[in-house]
Amino acid sequence: MKFVKELFTVCETVLSLNALSRSTGVPPELHVLLPQISSMMKRKIVQDDILKLLTIWSDAYVVELNSRGELTMNLPKRDNLTTLTNKSRTLAFVERAESWYQQVIASKDEIMTDVPAFKINKRRSSSNSKTVLSSKVQTKSSNANALNNSRYLANSKENFMYKEKMPDSQANLMDRLRERERRSAALLSQRQKRYQQFLAMKMTQVFDILFSLTRGQPYTETYLSSLIVDSLQDSNNPIGTKEASEILAGLQGILPMDISVHQVDGGLKVYRWNSLDKNRFSKLLQIHKSKQQD
């Protein structure tokens, strides 16, 4: 009896601490609490040890079966008035344990050396979702009858058979192909538009690089592209030589009177400019961006 009294005190402590740390209100599973209880008891505590407490006091804890089939354990709900007026739960359990032990001695000739574990039938009642607790052991015949009388959900044979897919007509097939082509063209157009907007955003940085170079000198496209890539390497959006070449062509298209380009033998382009005006370039760039958005 000393063991169950100490176990009840430890369970009260563990469940109280668990209730303070858990704000969800979901009762903890019993297998999660057992390591904590074993640590405080300094011995291994199993599920049957906890069920011994219910043998003495069946309403000591709320033991239910959750949706995963695991036993949960929680303190019973008590209002503040009951907590203030009633005696402590530990004292109540001690009195119930002594009363239970006296009844066992009076009803049996042989002395019981241990408290039997409370029997739990892990099934759900039809009226609610709580676990049905019972101290009676079901016989094999009752289990067999319950198995025979149980009802199973069954699907018809047609639900597992593949239905023959109706062939599409020529008109439906052509309509779907046209719709797919239309979506692909719209997606490609959107990507190209975003790419051109990105190049237009980089034109200001490339213009500043050209503005810092010596005027009136010829610069090959290869040299300018490499210089632009190296200069913008540490920026938020670095670019490659292909993008640099396209931006140079875009700048020449915006400023055809200021920046000239000549193509020599072998297809190499050579750029040259005499004077560059930042204010004029800013105005022309805004016009260029507005045309892209239209």
C-alpha atoms as a PDB file:
ATOM      1  CA  MET A   1       0.000   0.000   0.000  1.00  0.00           C
ATOM      2  CA  LYS A   2       2.924   2.324   0.586  1.00  0.00           C
ATOM      3  CA  PHE A   3       3.911   2.002  -3.068  1.00  0.00           C
ATOM      4  CA  VAL A   4       0.510   3.042  -4.463  1.00  0.00           C
ATOM      5  CA  LYS A   5       0.323   5.988  -2.061  1.00  0.00           C
ATOM      6  CA  GLU A   6       3.722   7.279  -3.199  1.00  0.00           C
ATOM      7  CA  LEU A   7       2.799   6.629  -6.834  1.00  0.00           C
ATOM      8  CA  PHE A   8      -0.402   8.652  -6.488  1.00  0.00           C
ATOM      9  CA  THR A   9       1.528  11.602  -5.033  1.00  0.00           C
ATOM     10  CA  VAL A  10       4.026  11.507  -7.900  1.00  0.00           C
ATOM     11  CA  CYS A  11       1.241  11.272 -10.505  1.00  0.00           C
ATOM     12  CA  GLU A  12      -0.412  14.327  -8.983  1.00  0.00           C
ATOM     13  CA  THR A  13       2.835  16.284  -9.304  1.00  0.00           C
ATOM     14  CA  VAL A  14       3.575  15.183 -12.887  1.00  0.00           C
ATOM     15  CA  LEU A  15       0.046  15.844 -14.148  1.00  0.00           C
ATOM     16  CA  SER A  16      -0.096  19.237 -12.425  1.00  0.00           C
ATOM     17  CA  LEU A  17       3.210  20.325 -13.985  1.00  0.00           C
ATOM     18  CA  ASN A  18       2.085  18.989 -17.343  1.00  0.00           C
ATOM     19  CA  ALA A  19      -1.162  20.966 -17.143  1.00  0.00           C
ATOM     20  CA  LEU A  20       0.803  24.168 -16.480  1.00  0.00           C
ATOM     21  CA  SER A  21       3.195  23.624 -19.391  1.00  0.00           C
ATOM     22  CA  ARG A  22       0.582  22.535 -21.964  1.00  0.00           C
ATOM     23  CA  SER A  23      -1.728  25.307 -23.152  1.00  0.00           C
ATOM     24  CA  THR A  24      -3.531  23.249 -25.805  1.00  0.00           C
ATOM     25  CA  GLY A  25      -5.754  21.417 -23.356  1.00  0.00           C
ATOM     26  CA  VAL A  26      -5.042  18.070 -25.052  1.00  0.00           C
ATOM     27  CA  PRO A  27      -4.548  15.354 -22.411  1.00  0.00           C
ATOM     28  CA  PRO A  28      -1.064  13.773 -22.489  1.00  0.00           C
ATOM     29  CA  GLU A  29      -0.609  10.186 -23.560  1.00  0.00           C
ATOM     30  CA  LEU A  30       0.215   7.730 -20.810  1.00  0.00           C
ATOM     31  CA  HIS A  31       3.384   6.391 -22.433  1.00  0.00           C
ATOM     32  CA  VAL A  32       4.756   9.966 -22.478  1.00  0.00           C
ATOM     33  CA  LEU A  33       4.164  10.403 -18.745  1.00  0.00           C
ATOM     34  CA  LEU A  34       5.655   7.064 -17.668  1.00  0.00           C
ATOM     35  CA  PRO A  35       9.350   8.114 -18.051  1.00  0.00           C
ATOM     36  CA  GLN A  36       8.758  11.218 -15.911  1.00  0.00           C
ATOM     37  CA  ILE A  37       6.931   9.219 -13.251  1.00  0.00           C
ATOM     38  CA  SER A  38       9.640   6.517 -13.275  1.00  0.00           C
ATOM     39  CA  SER A  39      12.331   9.160 -12.795  1.00  0.00           C
ATOM     40  CA  MET A  40      10.607  10.624  -9.732  1.00  0.00           C
ATOM     41  CA  MET A  41       9.808   7.188  -8.291  1.00  0.00           C
ATOM     42  CA  LYS A  42      13.405   6.025  -8.949  1.00  0.00           C
ATOM     43  CA  ARG A  43      12.080   2.771 -10.366  1.00  0.00           C
ATOM     44  CA  LYS A  44      10.479   1.674 -13.612  1.00  0.00           C
ATOM     45  CA  ILE A  45       6.741   2.366 -13.698  1.00  0.00           C
ATOM     46  CA  VAL A  46       4.551   0.600 -16.252  1.00  0.00           C
ATOM     47  CA  GLN A  47       0.959   1.047 -17.349  1.00  0.00           C
ATOM     48  CA  ASP A  48      -0.348  -1.619 -14.949  1.00  0.00           C
ATOM     49  CA  ASP A  49       1.102   0.317 -12.007  1.00  0.00           C
ATOM     50  CA  ILE A  50      -0.987   3.354 -12.981  1.00  0.00           C
ATOM     51  CA  LEU A  51      -4.083   1.184 -13.394  1.00  0.00           C
ATOM     52  CA  LYS A  52      -3.668  -0.016  -9.808  1.00  0.00           C
ATOM     53  CA  LEU A  53      -4.584   3.500  -8.702  1.00  0.00           C
ATOM     54  CA  LEU A  54      -7.866   3.225 -10.602  1.00  0.00           C
ATOM     55  CA  THR A  55      -8.618  -0.049  -8.845  1.00  0.00           C
ATOM     56  CA  ILE A  56      -8.599   1.819  -5.551  1.00  0.00           C
ATOM     57  CA  TRP A  57     -10.221   5.013  -6.868  1.00  0.00           C
ATOM     58  CA  SER A  58     -11.813   4.663 -10.304  1.00  0.00           C
ATOM     59  CA  ASP A  59     -12.556   8.407 -10.588  1.00  0.00           C
ATOM     60  CA  ALA A  60      -9.074   9.527  -9.564  1.00  0.00           C
ATOM     61  CA  TYR A  61      -8.073  10.292 -13.154  1.00  0.00           C
ATOM     62  CA  VAL A  62      -9.707  10.659 -16.538  1.00  0.00           C
ATOM     63  CA  VAL A  63      -8.299   7.841 -18.657  1.00  0.00           C
ATOM     64  CA  GLU A  64      -9.463   7.890 -22.273  1.00  0.00           C
ATOM     65  CA  LEU A  65      -8.561   6.420 -25.623  1.00  0.00           C
ATOM     66  CA  ASN A  66      -7.524   9.028 -28.205  1.00  0.00           C
ATOM     67  CA  SER A  67      -7.850   8.844 -31.979  1.00  0.00           C
ATOM     68  CA  ARG A  68      -4.463   7.112 -32.313  1.00  0.00           C
ATOM     69  CA  GLY A  69      -5.495   4.288 -30.003  1.00  0.00           C
ATOM     70  CA  GLU A  70      -3.267   5.476 -27.143  1.00  0.00           C
ATOM     71  CA  LEU A  71      -4.399   5.830 -23.534  1.00  0.00           C
ATOM     72  CA  THR A  72      -4.417   9.405 -22.246  1.00  0.00           C
ATOM     73  CA  MET A  73      -4.385  10.435 -18.605  1.00  0.00           C
ATOM     74  CA  ASN A  74      -5.532  13.710 -17.122  1.00  0.00           C
ATOM     75  CA  LEU A  75      -6.735  15.228 -13.866  1.00  0.00           C
ATOM     76  CA  PRO A  76     -10.516  15.444 -13.431  1.00  0.00           C
ATOM     77  CA  LYS A  77     -12.045  18.885 -13.850  1.00  0.00           C
ATOM     78  CA  ARG A  78     -12.810  20.688 -10.593  1.00  0.00           C
ATOM     79  CA  ASP A  79     -14.273  24.117 -10.025  1.00  0.00           C
ATOM     80  CA  ASN A  80     -12.659  26.620  -7.662  1.00  0.00           C
ATOM     81  CA  LEU A  81     -15.325  26.176  -4.964  1.00  0.00           C
ATOM     82  CA  THR A  82     -14.755  22.432  -4.805  1.00  0.00           C
ATOM     83  CA  THR A  83     -11.011  22.934  -4.626  1.00  0.00           C
ATOM     84  CA  LEU A  84     -11.331  25.264  -1.629  1.00  0.00           C
ATOM     85  CA  THR A  85     -13.895  23.279   0.373  1.00  0.00           C
ATOM     86  CA  ASN A  86     -12.897  19.648  -0.258  1.00  0.00           C
ATOM     87  CA  LYS A  87     -10.007  17.848   1.376  1.00  0.00           C
ATOM     88  CA  SER A  88      -6.809  17.265  -0.579  1.00  0.00           C
ATOM     89  CA  ARG A  89      -6.805  14.546  -3.208  1.00  0.00           C
ATOM     90  CA  THR A  90      -3.813  12.852  -1.589  1.00  0.00           C
ATOM     91  CA  LEU A  91      -5.636  12.545   1.739  1.00  0.00           C
ATOM     92  CA  ALA A  92      -8.759  11.314  -0.035  1.00  0.00           C
ATOM     93  CA  PHE A  93      -6.748   8.645  -1.864  1.00  0.00           C
ATOM     94  CA  VAL A  94      -5.094   7.470   1.366  1.00  0.00           C
ATOM     95  CA  GLU A  95      -8.503   7.057   3.000  1.00  0.00           C
ATOM     96  CA  ARG A  96      -9.862   5.182  -0.025  1.00  0.00           C
ATOM     97  CA  ALA A  97      -6.785   2.944  -0.109  1.00  0.00           C
ATOM     98  CA  GLU A  98      -7.176   2.014   3.563  1.00  0.00           C
ATOM     99  CA  SER A  99     -10.895   1.392   3.103  1.00  0.00           C
ATOM    100  CA  TRP A 100     -10.290  -0.741   0.005  1.00  0.00           C
ATOM    101  CA  TYR A 101      -7.643  -2.799   1.791  1.00  0.00           C
ATOM    102  CA  GLN A 102      -9.919  -3.440   4.770  1.00  0.00           C
ATOM    103  CA  GLN A 103     -12.702  -4.594   2.443  1.00  0.00           C
ATOM    104  CA  VAL A 104     -10.341  -6.968   0.640  1.00  0.00           C
ATOM    105  CA  ILE A 105      -9.157  -8.506   3.921  1.00  0.00           C
ATOM    106  CA  ALA A 106     -12.722  -8.939   5.143  1.00  0.00           C
ATOM    107  CA  SER A 107     -13.986 -10.519   1.914  1.00  0.00           C
ATOM    108  CA  LYS A 108     -11.136 -12.965   1.185  1.00  0.00           C
ATOM    109  CA  ASP A 109      -9.540 -15.709   3.195  1.00  0.00           C
ATOM    110  CA  GLU A 110      -6.106 -15.353   1.610  1.00  0.00           C
ATOM    111  CA  ILE A 111      -4.039 -12.203   2.072  1.00  0.00           C
ATOM    112  CA  MET A 112      -3.555 -10.137  -1.115  1.00  0.00           C
ATOM    113  CA  THR A 113       0.065  -9.099  -1.597  1.00  0.00           C
ATOM    114  CA  ASP A 114      -0.494  -6.554  -4.380  1.00  0.00           C
ATOM    115  CA  VAL A 115      -3.217  -4.348  -5.812  1.00  0.00           C
ATOM    116  CA  PRO A 116      -4.634  -5.766  -9.064  1.00  0.00           C
ATOM    117  CA  ALA A 117      -4.537  -3.595 -12.160  1.00  0.00           C
ATOM    118  CA  PHE A 118      -7.781  -2.051 -13.326  1.00  0.00           C
ATOM    119  CA  LYS A 119      -9.067  -3.804 -16.461  1.00  0.00           C
ATOM    120  CA  ILE A 120      -9.625  -1.563 -19.479  1.00  0.00           C
ATOM    121  CA  ASN A 121     -11.562  -2.518 -22.572  1.00  0.00           C
ATOM    122  CA  LYS A 122     -10.092  -0.436 -25.385  1.00  0.00           C
ATOM    123  CA  ARG A 123     -13.289   0.154 -27.297  1.00  0.00           C
ATOM    124  CA  ARG A 124     -15.467   3.190 -27.846  1.00  0.00           C
ATOM    125  CA  SER A 125     -19.062   3.468 -26.793  1.00  0.00           C
ATOM    126  CA  SER A 126     -21.768   4.360 -29.305  1.00  0.00           C
ATOM    127  CA  SER A 127     -22.971   7.383 -27.332  1.00  0.00           C
ATOM    128  CA  ASN A 128     -19.669   9.216 -26.885  1.00  0.00           C
ATOM    129  CA  SER A 129     -16.002   9.007 -27.741  1.00  0.00           C
ATOM    130  CA  LYS A 130     -14.696   8.218 -24.253  1.00  0.00           C
ATOM    131  CA  THR A 131     -12.981   4.954 -23.479  1.00  0.00           C
ATOM    132  CA  VAL A 132     -15.204   2.422 -21.757  1.00  0.00           C
ATOM    133  CA  LEU A 133     -13.593   1.431 -18.457  1.00  0.00           C
ATOM    134  CA  SER A 134     -14.636  -1.875 -16.978  1.00  0.00           C
ATOM    135  CA  SER A 135     -13.373  -4.242 -14.311  1.00  0.00           C
ATOM    136  CA  LYS A 136     -15.005  -7.235 -15.990  1.00  0.00           C
ATOM    137  CA  VAL A 137     -13.075  -9.462 -18.341  1.00  0.00           C
ATOM    138  CA  GLN A 138     -14.821 -10.359 -21.572  1.00  0.00           C
ATOM    139  CA  THR A 139     -15.056 -14.041 -22.324  1.00  0.00           C
ATOM    140  CA  LYS A 140     -13.983 -15.616 -25.581  1.00  0.00           C
ATOM    141  CA  SER A 141     -17.581 -16.317 -26.517  1.00  0.00           C
ATOM    142  CA  SER A 142     -18.572 -12.670 -26.187  1.00  0.00           C
ATOM    143  CA  ASN A 143     -15.603 -11.646 -28.330  1.00  0.00           C
ATOM    144  CA  ALA A 144     -16.603 -14.171 -30.962  1.00  0.00           C
ATOM    145  CA  ASN A 145     -20.201 -12.952 -30.969  1.00  0.00           C
ATOM    146  CA  ALA A 146     -19.086  -9.344 -31.245  1.00  0.00           C
ATOM    147  CA  LEU A 147     -16.870 -10.255 -34.191  1.00  0.00           C
ATOM    148  CA  ASN A 148     -19.685 -12.101 -35.949  1.00  0.00           C
ATOM    149  CA  ASN A 149     -22.169  -9.287 -35.374  1.00  0.00           C
ATOM    150  CA  SER A 150     -19.803  -6.516 -36.465  1.00  0.00           C
ATOM    151  CA  ARG A 151     -20.565  -4.741 -39.687  1.00  0.00           C
ATOM    152  CA  TYR A 152     -17.974  -3.854 -42.288  1.00  0.00           C
ATOM    153  CA  LEU A 153     -18.043  -1.142 -44.919  1.00  0.00           C
ATOM    154  CA  ALA A 154     -17.738  -2.634 -48.364  1.00  0.00           C
ATOM    155  CA  ASN A 155     -17.251  -1.057 -51.768  1.00  0.00           C
ATOM    156  CA  SER A 156     -18.908  -2.426 -54.831  1.00  0.00           C
ATOM    157  CA  LYS A 157     -16.904  -4.129 -57.536  1.00  0.00           C
ATOM    158  CA  GLU A 158     -17.505  -1.266 -59.953  1.00  0.00           C
ATOM    159  CA  ASN A 159     -15.572   1.153 -57.721  1.00  0.00           C
ATOM    160  CA  PHE A 160     -12.347  -0.809 -58.287  1.00  0.00           C
ATOM    161  CA  MET A 161     -12.704  -1.202 -62.049  1.00  0.00           C
ATOM    162  CA  TYR A 162     -11.176   1.249 -64.489  1.00  0.00           C
ATOM    163  CA  LYS A 163     -13.837   2.910 -66.528  1.00  0.00           C
ATOM    164  CA  GLU A 164     -13.235   3.076 -70.246  1.00  0.00           C
ATOM    165  CA  LYS A 165     -12.184   6.565 -71.240  1.00  0.00           C
ATOM    166  CA  MET A 166     -14.240   8.061 -74.006  1.00  0.00           C
ATOM    167  CA  PRO A 167     -12.054   9.097 -76.969  1.00  0.00           C
ATOM    168  CA  ASP A 168     -11.837  12.809 -77.656  1.00  0.00           C
ATOM    169  CA  SER A 169     -13.273  14.077 -80.864  1.00  0.00           C
ATOM    170  CA  GLN A 170     -11.074  15.806 -83.437  1.00  0.00           C
ATOM    171  CA  ALA A 171     -12.631  19.176 -82.616  1.00  0.00           C
ATOM    172  CA  ASN A 172     -11.977  18.844 -78.866  1.00  0.00           C
ATOM    173  CA  LEU A 173      -8.388  17.793 -79.501  1.00  0.00           C
ATOM    174  CA  MET A 174      -7.722  20.801 -81.741  1.00  0.00           C
ATOM    175  CA  ASP A 175      -9.305  23.162 -79.205  1.00  0.00           C
ATOM    176  CA  ARG A 176      -7.079  21.854 -76.441  1.00  0.00           C
ATOM    177  CA  LEU A 177      -3.980  22.182 -78.626  1.00  0.00           C
ATOM    178  CA  ARG A 178      -4.876  25.780 -79.494  1.00  0.00           C
ATOM    179  CA  GLU A 179      -5.466  26.599 -75.824  1.00  0.00           C
ATOM    180  CA  ARG A 180      -2.113  25.090 -74.881  1.00  0.00           C
ATOM    181  CA  GLU A 181      -0.325  27.071 -77.595  1.00  0.00           C
ATOM    182  CA  ARG A 182      -2.074  30.256 -76.484  1.00  0.00           C
ATOM    183  CA  ARG A 183      -0.967  29.756 -72.876  1.00  0.00           C
ATOM    184  CA  SER A 184       2.608  28.978 -73.933  1.00  0.00           C
ATOM    185  CA  ALA A 185       2.748  32.096 -76.109  1.00  0.00           C
ATOM    186  CA  ALA A 186       1.355  34.262 -73.296  1.00  0.00           C
ATOM    187  CA  LEU A 187       3.886  32.847 -70.821  1.00  0.00           C
ATOM    188  CA  LEU A 188       6.774  33.402 -73.252  1.00  0.00           C
ATOM    189  CA  SER A 189       5.645  36.970 -73.916  1.00  0.00           C
ATOM    190  CA  GLN A 190       5.455  37.683 -70.194  1.00  0.00           C
ATOM    191  CA  ARG A 191       8.971  36.336 -69.625  1.00  0.00           C
ATOM    192  CA  GLN A 192      10.393  38.396 -72.485  1.00  0.00           C
ATOM    193  CA  LYS A 193       8.695  41.524 -71.158  1.00  0.00           C
ATOM    194  CA  ARG A 194      10.174  41.011 -67.696  1.00  0.00           C
ATOM    195  CA  TYR A 195      13.599  40.396 -69.226  1.00  0.00           C
ATOM    196  CA  GLN A 196      13.447  43.645 -71.204  1.00  0.00           C
ATOM    197  CA  GLN A 197      12.382  45.512 -68.057  1.00  0.00           C
ATOM    198  CA  PHE A 198      15.399  44.053 -66.253  1.00  0.00           C
ATOM    199  CA  LEU A 199      17.743  45.227 -69.022  1.00  0.00           C
ATOM    200  CA  ALA A 200      16.175  48.698 -68.942  1.00  0.00           C
ATOM    201  CA  MET A 201      16.787  48.864 -65.194  1.00  0.00           C
ATOM    202  CA  LYS A 202      20.481  48.058 -65.745  1.00  0.00           C
ATOM    203  CA  MET A 203      20.901  50.683 -68.479  1.00  0.00           C
ATOM    204  CA  THR A 204      21.474  53.468 -65.951  1.00  0.00           C
ATOM    205  CA  GLN A 205      24.420  51.615 -64.394  1.00  0.00           C
ATOM    206  CA  VAL A 206      25.920  50.809 -67.800  1.00  0.00           C
ATOM    207  CA  PHE A 207      25.462  54.430 -68.914  1.00  0.00           C
ATOM    208  CA  ASP A 208      27.439  55.603 -65.855  1.00  0.00           C
ATOM    209  CA  ILE A 209      30.267  53.230 -66.824  1.00  0.00           C
ATOM    210  CA  LEU A 210      30.366  54.621 -70.372  1.00  0.00           C
ATOM    211  CA  PHE A 211      30.183  58.159 -68.997  1.00  0.00           C
ATOM    212  CA  SER A 212      33.343  57.539 -66.946  1.00  0.00           C
ATOM    213  CA  LEU A 213      35.374  56.423 -69.991  1.00  0.00           C
ATOM    214  CA  THR A 214      37.354  58.702 -72.285  1.00  0.00           C
ATOM    215  CA  ARG A 215      35.216  60.259 -75.006  1.00  0.00           C
ATOM    216  CA  GLY A 216      35.985  59.984 -78.691  1.00  0.00           C
ATOM    217  CA  GLN A 217      37.881  56.702 -78.285  1.00  0.00           C
ATOM    218  CA  PRO A 218      36.782  53.499 -80.077  1.00  0.00           C
ATOM    219  CA  TYR A 219      35.822  50.614 -77.780  1.00  0.00           C
ATOM    220  CA  THR A 220      35.122  47.117 -78.986  1.00  0.00           C
ATOM    221  CA  GLU A 221      32.013  45.324 -77.819  1.00  0.00           C
ATOM    222  CA  THR A 222      34.167  42.599 -76.249  1.00  0.00           C
ATOM    223  CA  TYR A 223      36.105  45.109 -74.152  1.00  0.00           C
ATOM    224  CA  LEU A 224      33.004  47.006 -73.018  1.00  0.00           C
ATOM    225  CA  SER A 225      31.085  43.819 -72.176  1.00  0.00           C
ATOM    226  CA  SER A 226      33.940  42.479 -70.040  1.00  0.00           C
ATOM    227  CA  LEU A 227      34.291  45.847 -68.287  1.00  0.00           C
ATOM    228  CA  ILE A 228      30.548  46.016 -67.557  1.00  0.00           C
ATOM    229  CA  VAL A 229      30.430  42.437 -66.207  1.00  0.00           C
ATOM    230  CA  ASP A 230      33.397  43.075 -63.891  1.00  0.00           C
ATOM    231  CA  SER A 231      31.984  46.402 -62.683  1.00  0.00           C
ATOM    232  CA  LEU A 232      28.548  44.958 -61.840  1.00  0.00           C
ATOM    233  CA  GLN A 233      29.841  41.699 -60.387  1.00  0.00           C
ATOM    234  CA  ASP A 234      29.349  42.861 -56.783  1.00  0.00           C
ATOM    235  CA  SER A 235      25.939  44.463 -57.385  1.00  0.00           C
ATOM    236  CA  ASN A 236      22.600  42.993 -56.318  1.00  0.00           C
ATOM    237  CA  ASN A 237      21.863  41.652 -59.812  1.00  0.00           C
ATOM    238  CA  PRO A 238      25.085  40.873 -61.728  1.00  0.00           C
ATOM    239  CA  ILE A 239      24.838  40.257 -65.462  1.00  0.00           C
ATOM    240  CA  GLY A 240      26.758  38.284 -68.079  1.00  0.00           C
ATOM    241  CA  THR A 241      28.405  39.230 -71.350  1.00  0.00           C
ATOM    242  CA  LYS A 242      25.244  38.427 -73.334  1.00  0.00           C
ATOM    243  CA  GLU A 243      23.138  40.819 -71.249  1.00  0.00           C
ATOM    244  CA  ALA A 244      25.904  43.446 -71.419  1.00  0.00           C
ATOM    245  CA  SER A 245      25.916  43.271 -75.238  1.00  0.00           C
ATOM    246  CA  GLU A 246      22.130  43.649 -75.354  1.00  0.00           C
ATOM    247  CA  ILE A 247      22.243  46.654 -73.002  1.00  0.00           C
ATOM    248  CA  LEU A 248      24.906  48.332 -75.166  1.00  0.00           C
ATOM    249  CA  ALA A 249      22.698  47.825 -78.222  1.00  0.00           C
ATOM    250  CA  GLY A 250      19.742  49.226 -76.267  1.00  0.00           C
ATOM    251  CA  LEU A 251      21.695  52.331 -75.243  1.00  0.00           C
ATOM    252  CA  GLN A 252      22.742  52.922 -78.832  1.00  0.00           C
ATOM    253  CA  GLY A 253      19.091  52.613 -79.864  1.00  0.00           C
ATOM    254  CA  ILE A 254      18.012  55.199 -77.267  1.00  0.00           C
ATOM    255  CA  LEU A 255      20.920  57.567 -78.061  1.00  0.00           C
ATOM    256  CA  PRO A 256      21.584  57.022 -81.795  1.00  0.00           C
ATOM    257  CA  MET A 257      22.895  60.583 -82.239  1.00  0.00           C
ATOM    258  CA  ASP A 258      25.295  60.321 -79.286  1.00  0.00           C
ATOM    259  CA  ILE A 259      26.568  56.735 -79.492  1.00  0.00           C
ATOM    260  CA  SER A 260      27.694  55.327 -82.827  1.00  0.00           C
ATOM    261  CA  VAL A 261      28.412  51.689 -83.632  1.00  0.00           C
ATOM    262  CA  HIS A 262      30.355  50.233 -86.562  1.00  0.00           C
ATOM    263  CA  GLN A 263      30.783  46.612 -87.501  1.00  0.00           C
ATOM    264  CA  VAL A 264      34.219  45.692 -88.799  1.00  0.00           C
ATOM    265  CA  ASP A 265      35.451  42.572 -90.561  1.00  0.00           C
ATOM    266  CA  GLY A 266      34.584  39.400 -88.662  1.00  0.00           C
ATOM    267  CA  GLY A 267      31.383  40.855 -87.175  1.00  0.00           C
ATOM    268  CA  LEU A 268      33.108  42.723 -84.331  1.00  0.00           C
ATOM    269  CA  LYS A 269      31.228  45.846 -83.196  1.00  0.00           C
ATOM    270  CA  VAL A 270      33.050  49.045 -82.257  1.00  0.00           C
ATOM    271  CA  TYR A 271      31.356  51.773 -80.177  1.00  0.00           C
ATOM    272  CA  ARG A 272      32.301  55.452 -80.043  1.00  0.00           C
ATOM    273  CA  TRP A 273      30.726  58.534 -78.424  1.00  0.00           C
ATOM    274  CA  ASN A 274      31.756  62.160 -78.195  1.00  0.00           C
ATOM    275  CA  SER A 275      29.484  63.554 -75.483  1.00  0.00           C
ATOM    276  CA  LEU A 276      26.885  62.068 -73.140  1.00  0.00           C
ATOM    277  CA  ASP A 277      24.189  64.039 -71.297  1.00  0.00           C
ATOM    278  CA  LYS A 278      22.793  62.354 -68.165  1.00  0.00           C
ATOM    279  CA  ASN A 279      19.646  64.502 -67.969  1.00  0.00           C
ATOM    280  CA  ARG A 280      18.757  63.868 -71.595  1.00  0.00           C
ATOM    281  CA  PHE A 281      19.438  60.161 -71.166  1.00  0.00           C
ATOM    282  CA  SER A 282      17.163  59.967 -68.097  1.00  0.00           C
ATOM    283  CA  LYS A 283      14.245  61.495 -70.016  1.00  0.00           C
ATOM    284  CA  LEU A 284      14.734  59.208 -73.018  1.00  0.00           C
ATOM    285  CA  LEU A 285      15.037  56.168 -70.720  1.00  0.00           C
ATOM    286  CA  GLN A 286      11.692  56.963 -69.067  1.00  0.00           C
ATOM    287  CA  ILE A 287      10.070  57.150 -72.506  1.00  0.00           C
ATOM    288  CA  HIS A 288      11.674  53.811 -73.392  1.00  0.00           C
ATOM    289  CA  LYS A 289      10.336  52.164 -70.200  1.00  0.00           C
ATOM    290  CA  SER A 290       6.831  53.532 -70.729  1.00  0.00           C
ATOM    291  CA  LYS A 291       6.765  52.028 -74.236  1.00  0.00           C
ATOM    292  CA  GLN A 292       7.698  48.632 -72.788  1.00  0.00           C
ATOM    293  CA  GLN A 293       4.790  48.750 -70.335  1.00  0.00           C
ATOM    294  CA  ASP A 294       2.243  49.477 -73.064  1.00  0.00           C
END
